[in-house]
Amino acid sequence: MIITYFGKQFFKIAQGEMALAFNPISKQSRNSRPGGPARFGADIALSTTNHPDYNGLEQVEHGERKPFVISGPGDYEVKEIFVKGAMSESVLGGKKYINTIYALTLDNISLAFLGALSNPELSQEAQEAIGSPDILFIPVDGAGLIDAKASAKLASTLEPKMIIPMDYDEKSLKTFLKEIGEEKAEMVDKVTIKRKDLEGKEGEVIVLKPS
């Protein structure tokens, strides 16, 4: 699978012909990119939180390609991919939102996407859905979401093989990497991962630059 990052929590994960989009940034977001957002057609689009920073699902429609939309807790099966959405909460700008934590397996690699998580105490349901994922996507920015220290602590308890921080700025990223003991983590434009690449890894951090 190939993982590309477009800022905030907007990721494209491509596996062969299949493309998944996570938390595309809406045009209404103050974080919308100059020149418009990255446009591509997704087969499946997942939004964790109904907020302009994370709900720009129209941005991942392209031509004839309209994604199957997943935007809340529940169990889903799309194109032989099983997705579990577990409820948590988010506080953005002082307002409470439902945040959905997603767990799924793609190409025999388990992914956990925490979304705009504000409370590091995960529910039993969320913990069971996530387990010990191969790849964990975790916010580190604070500003209503869990901060860098809480993120590092939570990431360590979940014992993923690989950690991809998101929703970061320079300061929060630096704090997160220091807390988790990965100050030498490499920064890359995109990452290609196969199942065998994860063997023997424990909590390796990969920082993706917004493209």
C-alpha atoms as a PDB file:
ATOM      1  CA  MET A   1       0.000   0.000   0.000  1.00  0.00           C
ATOM      2  CA  ILE A   2       1.065   3.581  -0.667  1.00  0.00           C
ATOM      3  CA  ILE A   3       0.215   6.258   1.923  1.00  0.00           C
ATOM      4  CA  THR A   4       0.157   9.940   0.925  1.00  0.00           C
ATOM      5  CA  TYR A   5      -0.549  12.851   3.284  1.00  0.00           C
ATOM      6  CA  PHE A   6      -2.214  16.166   2.391  1.00  0.00           C
ATOM      7  CA  GLY A   7      -2.202  17.918   5.783  1.00  0.00           C
ATOM      8  CA  LYS A   8      -4.445  17.929   8.906  1.00  0.00           C
ATOM      9  CA  GLN A   9      -5.739  14.313   8.848  1.00  0.00           C
ATOM     10  CA  PHE A  10      -6.231  13.938   5.107  1.00  0.00           C
ATOM     11  CA  PHE A  11      -4.628  10.737   3.824  1.00  0.00           C
ATOM     12  CA  LYS A  12      -4.873   8.727   0.645  1.00  0.00           C
ATOM     13  CA  ILE A  13      -4.121   5.028   0.983  1.00  0.00           C
ATOM     14  CA  ALA A  14      -3.801   3.228  -2.340  1.00  0.00           C
ATOM     15  CA  GLN A  15      -3.703  -0.537  -2.721  1.00  0.00           C
ATOM     16  CA  GLY A  16      -3.549  -1.611  -6.366  1.00  0.00           C
ATOM     17  CA  GLU A  17      -6.532  -0.003  -8.117  1.00  0.00           C
ATOM     18  CA  MET A  18      -8.270   0.709  -4.808  1.00  0.00           C
ATOM     19  CA  ALA A  19      -8.029   4.155  -3.166  1.00  0.00           C
ATOM     20  CA  LEU A  20      -9.201   5.055   0.328  1.00  0.00           C
ATOM     21  CA  ALA A  21      -9.459   8.632   1.599  1.00  0.00           C
ATOM     22  CA  PHE A  22      -9.430   9.526   5.284  1.00  0.00           C
ATOM     23  CA  ASN A  23     -10.712  12.877   6.592  1.00  0.00           C
ATOM     24  CA  PRO A  24     -10.466  14.966   3.408  1.00  0.00           C
ATOM     25  CA  ILE A  25     -10.308  18.694   4.135  1.00  0.00           C
ATOM     26  CA  SER A  26     -13.449  20.594   3.101  1.00  0.00           C
ATOM     27  CA  LYS A  27     -13.350  23.789   1.023  1.00  0.00           C
ATOM     28  CA  GLN A  28     -15.008  25.469   4.028  1.00  0.00           C
ATOM     29  CA  SER A  29     -12.023  24.678   6.247  1.00  0.00           C
ATOM     30  CA  ARG A  30      -9.570  27.423   7.158  1.00  0.00           C
ATOM     31  CA  ASN A  31      -6.935  24.761   6.455  1.00  0.00           C
ATOM     32  CA  SER A  32      -8.074  24.344   2.855  1.00  0.00           C
ATOM     33  CA  ARG A  33      -5.069  24.439   0.543  1.00  0.00           C
ATOM     34  CA  PRO A  34      -4.241  27.363  -1.725  1.00  0.00           C
ATOM     35  CA  GLY A  35      -5.083  26.313  -5.270  1.00  0.00           C
ATOM     36  CA  GLY A  36      -7.688  23.907  -3.934  1.00  0.00           C
ATOM     37  CA  PRO A  37      -7.403  20.530  -2.254  1.00  0.00           C
ATOM     38  CA  ALA A  38      -5.733  17.460  -3.686  1.00  0.00           C
ATOM     39  CA  ARG A  39      -8.359  15.933  -5.968  1.00  0.00           C
ATOM     40  CA  PHE A  40      -8.519  12.247  -6.679  1.00  0.00           C
ATOM     41  CA  GLY A  41     -11.268   9.682  -6.919  1.00  0.00           C
ATOM     42  CA  ALA A  42     -11.602   7.430  -3.879  1.00  0.00           C
ATOM     43  CA  ASP A  43     -13.424   4.091  -3.739  1.00  0.00           C
ATOM     44  CA  ILE A  44     -14.028   4.487  -0.008  1.00  0.00           C
ATOM     45  CA  ALA A  45     -14.060   7.794   1.887  1.00  0.00           C
ATOM     46  CA  LEU A  46     -13.988   7.835   5.681  1.00  0.00           C
ATOM     47  CA  SER A  47     -14.776  10.886   7.810  1.00  0.00           C
ATOM     48  CA  THR A  48     -14.307  10.661  11.567  1.00  0.00           C
ATOM     49  CA  THR A  49     -15.832  14.003  12.546  1.00  0.00           C
ATOM     50  CA  ASN A  50     -18.509  16.227  10.992  1.00  0.00           C
ATOM     51  CA  HIS A  51     -16.289  19.337  10.934  1.00  0.00           C
ATOM     52  CA  PRO A  52     -14.908  21.206   7.890  1.00  0.00           C
ATOM     53  CA  ASP A  53     -11.336  20.105   8.693  1.00  0.00           C
ATOM     54  CA  TYR A  54     -12.370  16.450   8.325  1.00  0.00           C
ATOM     55  CA  ASN A  55     -15.587  16.134   6.280  1.00  0.00           C
ATOM     56  CA  GLY A  56     -14.711  17.307   2.748  1.00  0.00           C
ATOM     57  CA  LEU A  57     -16.020  14.131   1.145  1.00  0.00           C
ATOM     58  CA  GLU A  58     -16.886  15.972  -2.084  1.00  0.00           C
ATOM     59  CA  GLN A  59     -13.136  16.511  -2.579  1.00  0.00           C
ATOM     60  CA  VAL A  60     -12.562  12.828  -3.294  1.00  0.00           C
ATOM     61  CA  GLU A  61     -15.149  12.459  -6.046  1.00  0.00           C
ATOM     62  CA  HIS A  62     -13.531  12.529  -9.454  1.00  0.00           C
ATOM     63  CA  GLY A  63     -15.279  12.078 -12.773  1.00  0.00           C
ATOM     64  CA  GLU A  64     -17.357   8.908 -12.592  1.00  0.00           C
ATOM     65  CA  ARG A  65     -15.693   7.866  -9.354  1.00  0.00           C
ATOM     66  CA  LYS A  66     -17.910   8.463  -6.334  1.00  0.00           C
ATOM     67  CA  PRO A  67     -16.774   6.898  -3.088  1.00  0.00           C
ATOM     68  CA  PHE A  68     -18.680   4.725  -0.662  1.00  0.00           C
ATOM     69  CA  VAL A  69     -18.932   7.057   2.346  1.00  0.00           C
ATOM     70  CA  ILE A  70     -18.356   5.944   5.934  1.00  0.00           C
ATOM     71  CA  SER A  71     -19.018   8.732   8.425  1.00  0.00           C
ATOM     72  CA  GLY A  72     -19.894   7.253  11.787  1.00  0.00           C
ATOM     73  CA  PRO A  73     -19.782   4.303  14.182  1.00  0.00           C
ATOM     74  CA  GLY A  74     -20.843   0.859  12.943  1.00  0.00           C
ATOM     75  CA  ASP A  75     -19.667  -2.157  10.978  1.00  0.00           C
ATOM     76  CA  TYR A  76     -19.155  -1.856   7.231  1.00  0.00           C
ATOM     77  CA  GLU A  77     -18.090  -4.153   4.422  1.00  0.00           C
ATOM     78  CA  VAL A  78     -17.046  -2.578   1.122  1.00  0.00           C
ATOM     79  CA  LYS A  79     -15.183  -4.364  -1.665  1.00  0.00           C
ATOM     80  CA  GLU A  80     -14.200  -7.137   0.754  1.00  0.00           C
ATOM     81  CA  ILE A  81     -12.782  -4.628   3.237  1.00  0.00           C
ATOM     82  CA  PHE A  82     -14.277  -4.779   6.733  1.00  0.00           C
ATOM     83  CA  VAL A  83     -14.350  -1.488   8.621  1.00  0.00           C
ATOM     84  CA  LYS A  84     -15.250  -1.127  12.290  1.00  0.00           C
ATOM     85  CA  GLY A  85     -16.162   2.355  13.533  1.00  0.00           C
ATOM     86  CA  ALA A  86     -16.126   2.921  17.311  1.00  0.00           C
ATOM     87  CA  MET A  87     -17.478   6.054  18.943  1.00  0.00           C
ATOM     88  CA  SER A  88     -15.338   8.532  20.865  1.00  0.00           C
ATOM     89  CA  GLU A  89     -15.524  12.277  21.332  1.00  0.00           C
ATOM     90  CA  SER A  90     -13.942  15.373  19.930  1.00  0.00           C
ATOM     91  CA  VAL A  91     -13.920  18.955  21.199  1.00  0.00           C
ATOM     92  CA  LEU A  92     -13.148  21.514  18.504  1.00  0.00           C
ATOM     93  CA  GLY A  93     -13.426  25.234  19.135  1.00  0.00           C
ATOM     94  CA  GLY A  94     -15.136  24.483  22.447  1.00  0.00           C
ATOM     95  CA  LYS A  95     -17.892  22.481  20.722  1.00  0.00           C
ATOM     96  CA  LYS A  96     -18.425  18.743  21.211  1.00  0.00           C
ATOM     97  CA  TYR A  97     -18.529  16.403  18.225  1.00  0.00           C
ATOM     98  CA  ILE A  98     -18.833  12.658  17.783  1.00  0.00           C
ATOM     99  CA  ASN A  99     -15.488  11.267  16.629  1.00  0.00           C
ATOM    100  CA  THR A 100     -15.324   7.813  15.070  1.00  0.00           C
ATOM    101  CA  ILE A 101     -12.222   5.670  15.474  1.00  0.00           C
ATOM    102  CA  TYR A 102     -11.812   3.370  12.469  1.00  0.00           C
ATOM    103  CA  ALA A 103     -10.148  -0.041  12.416  1.00  0.00           C
ATOM    104  CA  LEU A 104      -9.695  -2.006   9.199  1.00  0.00           C
ATOM    105  CA  THR A 105      -7.357  -4.417   7.457  1.00  0.00           C
ATOM    106  CA  LEU A 106      -5.958  -3.746   3.999  1.00  0.00           C
ATOM    107  CA  ASP A 107      -3.530  -6.051   2.198  1.00  0.00           C
ATOM    108  CA  ASN A 108      -3.169  -8.084   5.399  1.00  0.00           C
ATOM    109  CA  ILE A 109      -2.079  -4.951   7.330  1.00  0.00           C
ATOM    110  CA  SER A 110      -4.254  -3.735  10.200  1.00  0.00           C
ATOM    111  CA  LEU A 111      -4.827   0.012  10.443  1.00  0.00           C
ATOM    112  CA  ALA A 112      -6.223   2.113  13.300  1.00  0.00           C
ATOM    113  CA  PHE A 113      -7.197   5.699  12.515  1.00  0.00           C
ATOM    114  CA  LEU A 114      -7.979   7.687  15.666  1.00  0.00           C
ATOM    115  CA  GLY A 115      -9.341  10.821  13.963  1.00  0.00           C
ATOM    116  CA  ALA A 116      -9.982  14.046  15.896  1.00  0.00           C
ATOM    117  CA  LEU A 117      -9.640  12.355  19.266  1.00  0.00           C
ATOM    118  CA  SER A 118      -9.941  14.565  22.372  1.00  0.00           C
ATOM    119  CA  ASN A 119     -10.047  11.956  25.126  1.00  0.00           C
ATOM    120  CA  PRO A 120      -7.104   9.541  25.414  1.00  0.00           C
ATOM    121  CA  GLU A 121      -9.228   7.166  27.532  1.00  0.00           C
ATOM    122  CA  LEU A 122     -10.560   4.821  24.849  1.00  0.00           C
ATOM    123  CA  SER A 123     -13.799   2.899  25.337  1.00  0.00           C
ATOM    124  CA  GLN A 124     -13.732  -0.877  25.674  1.00  0.00           C
ATOM    125  CA  GLU A 125     -15.321  -1.101  22.208  1.00  0.00           C
ATOM    126  CA  ALA A 126     -12.611   1.090  20.656  1.00  0.00           C
ATOM    127  CA  GLN A 127      -9.823  -0.861  22.360  1.00  0.00           C
ATOM    128  CA  GLU A 128     -11.243  -4.168  21.141  1.00  0.00           C
ATOM    129  CA  ALA A 129     -11.664  -2.838  17.588  1.00  0.00           C
ATOM    130  CA  ILE A 130      -8.099  -1.498  17.449  1.00  0.00           C
ATOM    131  CA  GLY A 131      -6.230  -4.261  19.276  1.00  0.00           C
ATOM    132  CA  SER A 132      -2.493  -3.853  18.591  1.00  0.00           C
ATOM    133  CA  PRO A 133      -2.567  -2.402  15.070  1.00  0.00           C
ATOM    134  CA  ASP A 134       0.188  -2.684  12.514  1.00  0.00           C
ATOM    135  CA  ILE A 135      -0.149   1.016  11.674  1.00  0.00           C
ATOM    136  CA  LEU A 136      -1.569   3.682  13.990  1.00  0.00           C
ATOM    137  CA  PHE A 137      -2.601   7.134  12.729  1.00  0.00           C
ATOM    138  CA  ILE A 138      -2.669   9.478  15.735  1.00  0.00           C
ATOM    139  CA  PRO A 139      -3.218  13.241  16.197  1.00  0.00           C
ATOM    140  CA  VAL A 140      -0.556  15.087  18.187  1.00  0.00           C
ATOM    141  CA  ASP A 141      -1.514  18.760  18.006  1.00  0.00           C
ATOM    142  CA  GLY A 142      -3.559  19.514  21.117  1.00  0.00           C
ATOM    143  CA  ALA A 143      -5.842  22.529  20.412  1.00  0.00           C
ATOM    144  CA  GLY A 144      -8.848  20.510  21.579  1.00  0.00           C
ATOM    145  CA  LEU A 145      -7.373  17.192  20.422  1.00  0.00           C
ATOM    146  CA  ILE A 146      -5.098  15.038  22.557  1.00  0.00           C
ATOM    147  CA  ASP A 147      -1.740  16.755  22.919  1.00  0.00           C
ATOM    148  CA  ALA A 148       1.687  15.429  22.029  1.00  0.00           C
ATOM    149  CA  LYS A 149       2.422  13.932  25.476  1.00  0.00           C
ATOM    150  CA  ALA A 150      -0.961  12.173  25.729  1.00  0.00           C
ATOM    151  CA  SER A 151      -0.544  10.958  22.130  1.00  0.00           C
ATOM    152  CA  ALA A 152       2.861   9.461  22.850  1.00  0.00           C
ATOM    153  CA  LYS A 153       1.522   7.696  25.950  1.00  0.00           C
ATOM    154  CA  LEU A 154      -1.529   6.331  24.117  1.00  0.00           C
ATOM    155  CA  ALA A 155       0.557   5.220  21.120  1.00  0.00           C
ATOM    156  CA  SER A 156       2.898   3.295  23.438  1.00  0.00           C
ATOM    157  CA  THR A 157       0.020   1.480  25.183  1.00  0.00           C
ATOM    158  CA  LEU A 158      -1.510   0.380  21.844  1.00  0.00           C
ATOM    159  CA  GLU A 159       1.823  -1.204  20.790  1.00  0.00           C
ATOM    160  CA  PRO A 160       1.577  -0.619  17.029  1.00  0.00           C
ATOM    161  CA  LYS A 161       4.374  -1.670  14.712  1.00  0.00           C
ATOM    162  CA  MET A 162       4.351   1.742  13.000  1.00  0.00           C
ATOM    163  CA  ILE A 163       3.045   5.161  14.075  1.00  0.00           C
ATOM    164  CA  ILE A 164       2.062   7.957  11.688  1.00  0.00           C
ATOM    165  CA  PRO A 165       1.473  11.293  13.458  1.00  0.00           C
ATOM    166  CA  MET A 166      -1.090  13.675  11.959  1.00  0.00           C
ATOM    167  CA  ASP A 167      -2.630  17.076  12.672  1.00  0.00           C
ATOM    168  CA  TYR A 168       0.781  18.307  13.811  1.00  0.00           C
ATOM    169  CA  ASP A 169       2.731  21.537  13.717  1.00  0.00           C
ATOM    170  CA  GLU A 170       6.493  21.810  14.173  1.00  0.00           C
ATOM    171  CA  LYS A 171       6.328  22.278  17.949  1.00  0.00           C
ATOM    172  CA  SER A 172       3.845  19.478  18.704  1.00  0.00           C
ATOM    173  CA  LEU A 173       5.659  17.071  16.389  1.00  0.00           C
ATOM    174  CA  LYS A 174       8.980  17.777  18.104  1.00  0.00           C
ATOM    175  CA  THR A 175       7.407  17.158  21.544  1.00  0.00           C
ATOM    176  CA  PHE A 176       5.739  13.958  20.363  1.00  0.00           C
ATOM    177  CA  LEU A 177       8.944  12.536  18.860  1.00  0.00           C
ATOM    178  CA  LYS A 178      10.893  13.375  22.031  1.00  0.00           C
ATOM    179  CA  GLU A 179       8.239  11.789  24.313  1.00  0.00           C
ATOM    180  CA  ILE A 180       8.129   8.598  22.267  1.00  0.00           C
ATOM    181  CA  GLY A 181      11.929   8.418  21.913  1.00  0.00           C
ATOM    182  CA  GLU A 182      11.961   8.697  18.125  1.00  0.00           C
ATOM    183  CA  GLU A 183      13.670  12.053  17.629  1.00  0.00           C
ATOM    184  CA  LYS A 184      15.517  10.714  14.602  1.00  0.00           C
ATOM    185  CA  ALA A 185      12.299   9.683  12.822  1.00  0.00           C
ATOM    186  CA  GLU A 186      12.618  10.219   9.099  1.00  0.00           C
ATOM    187  CA  MET A 187      10.405  12.665   7.220  1.00  0.00           C
ATOM    188  CA  VAL A 188       9.211  11.380   3.855  1.00  0.00           C
ATOM    189  CA  ASP A 189       6.884  12.494   1.044  1.00  0.00           C
ATOM    190  CA  LYS A 190       4.999   9.207   0.917  1.00  0.00           C
ATOM    191  CA  VAL A 191       5.522   5.693   2.151  1.00  0.00           C
ATOM    192  CA  THR A 192       5.084   2.303   0.500  1.00  0.00           C
ATOM    193  CA  ILE A 193       4.477  -0.544   2.943  1.00  0.00           C
ATOM    194  CA  LYS A 194       4.195  -4.292   2.474  1.00  0.00           C
ATOM    195  CA  ARG A 195       3.361  -6.787   5.191  1.00  0.00           C
ATOM    196  CA  LYS A 196       6.955  -8.072   5.343  1.00  0.00           C
ATOM    197  CA  ASP A 197       8.251  -4.502   5.941  1.00  0.00           C
ATOM    198  CA  LEU A 198       6.532  -4.487   9.331  1.00  0.00           C
ATOM    199  CA  GLU A 199       8.077  -7.672  10.666  1.00  0.00           C
ATOM    200  CA  GLY A 200      10.133  -7.030  13.780  1.00  0.00           C
ATOM    201  CA  LYS A 201       9.090  -3.381  14.066  1.00  0.00           C
ATOM    202  CA  GLU A 202       7.878  -1.914  17.360  1.00  0.00           C
ATOM    203  CA  GLY A 203       6.540   1.636  17.453  1.00  0.00           C
ATOM    204  CA  GLU A 204       8.584   2.976  14.549  1.00  0.00           C
ATOM    205  CA  VAL A 205       7.510   6.533  13.715  1.00  0.00           C
ATOM    206  CA  ILE A 206       7.194   7.697  10.110  1.00  0.00           C
ATOM    207  CA  VAL A 207       6.512  11.397   9.577  1.00  0.00           C
ATOM    208  CA  LEU A 208       4.819  12.208   6.305  1.00  0.00           C
ATOM    209  CA  LYS A 209       5.230  15.674   4.813  1.00  0.00           C
ATOM    210  CA  PRO A 210       2.010  17.208   3.485  1.00  0.00           C
ATOM    211  CA  SER A 211       2.156  17.032  -0.314  1.00  0.00           C
END
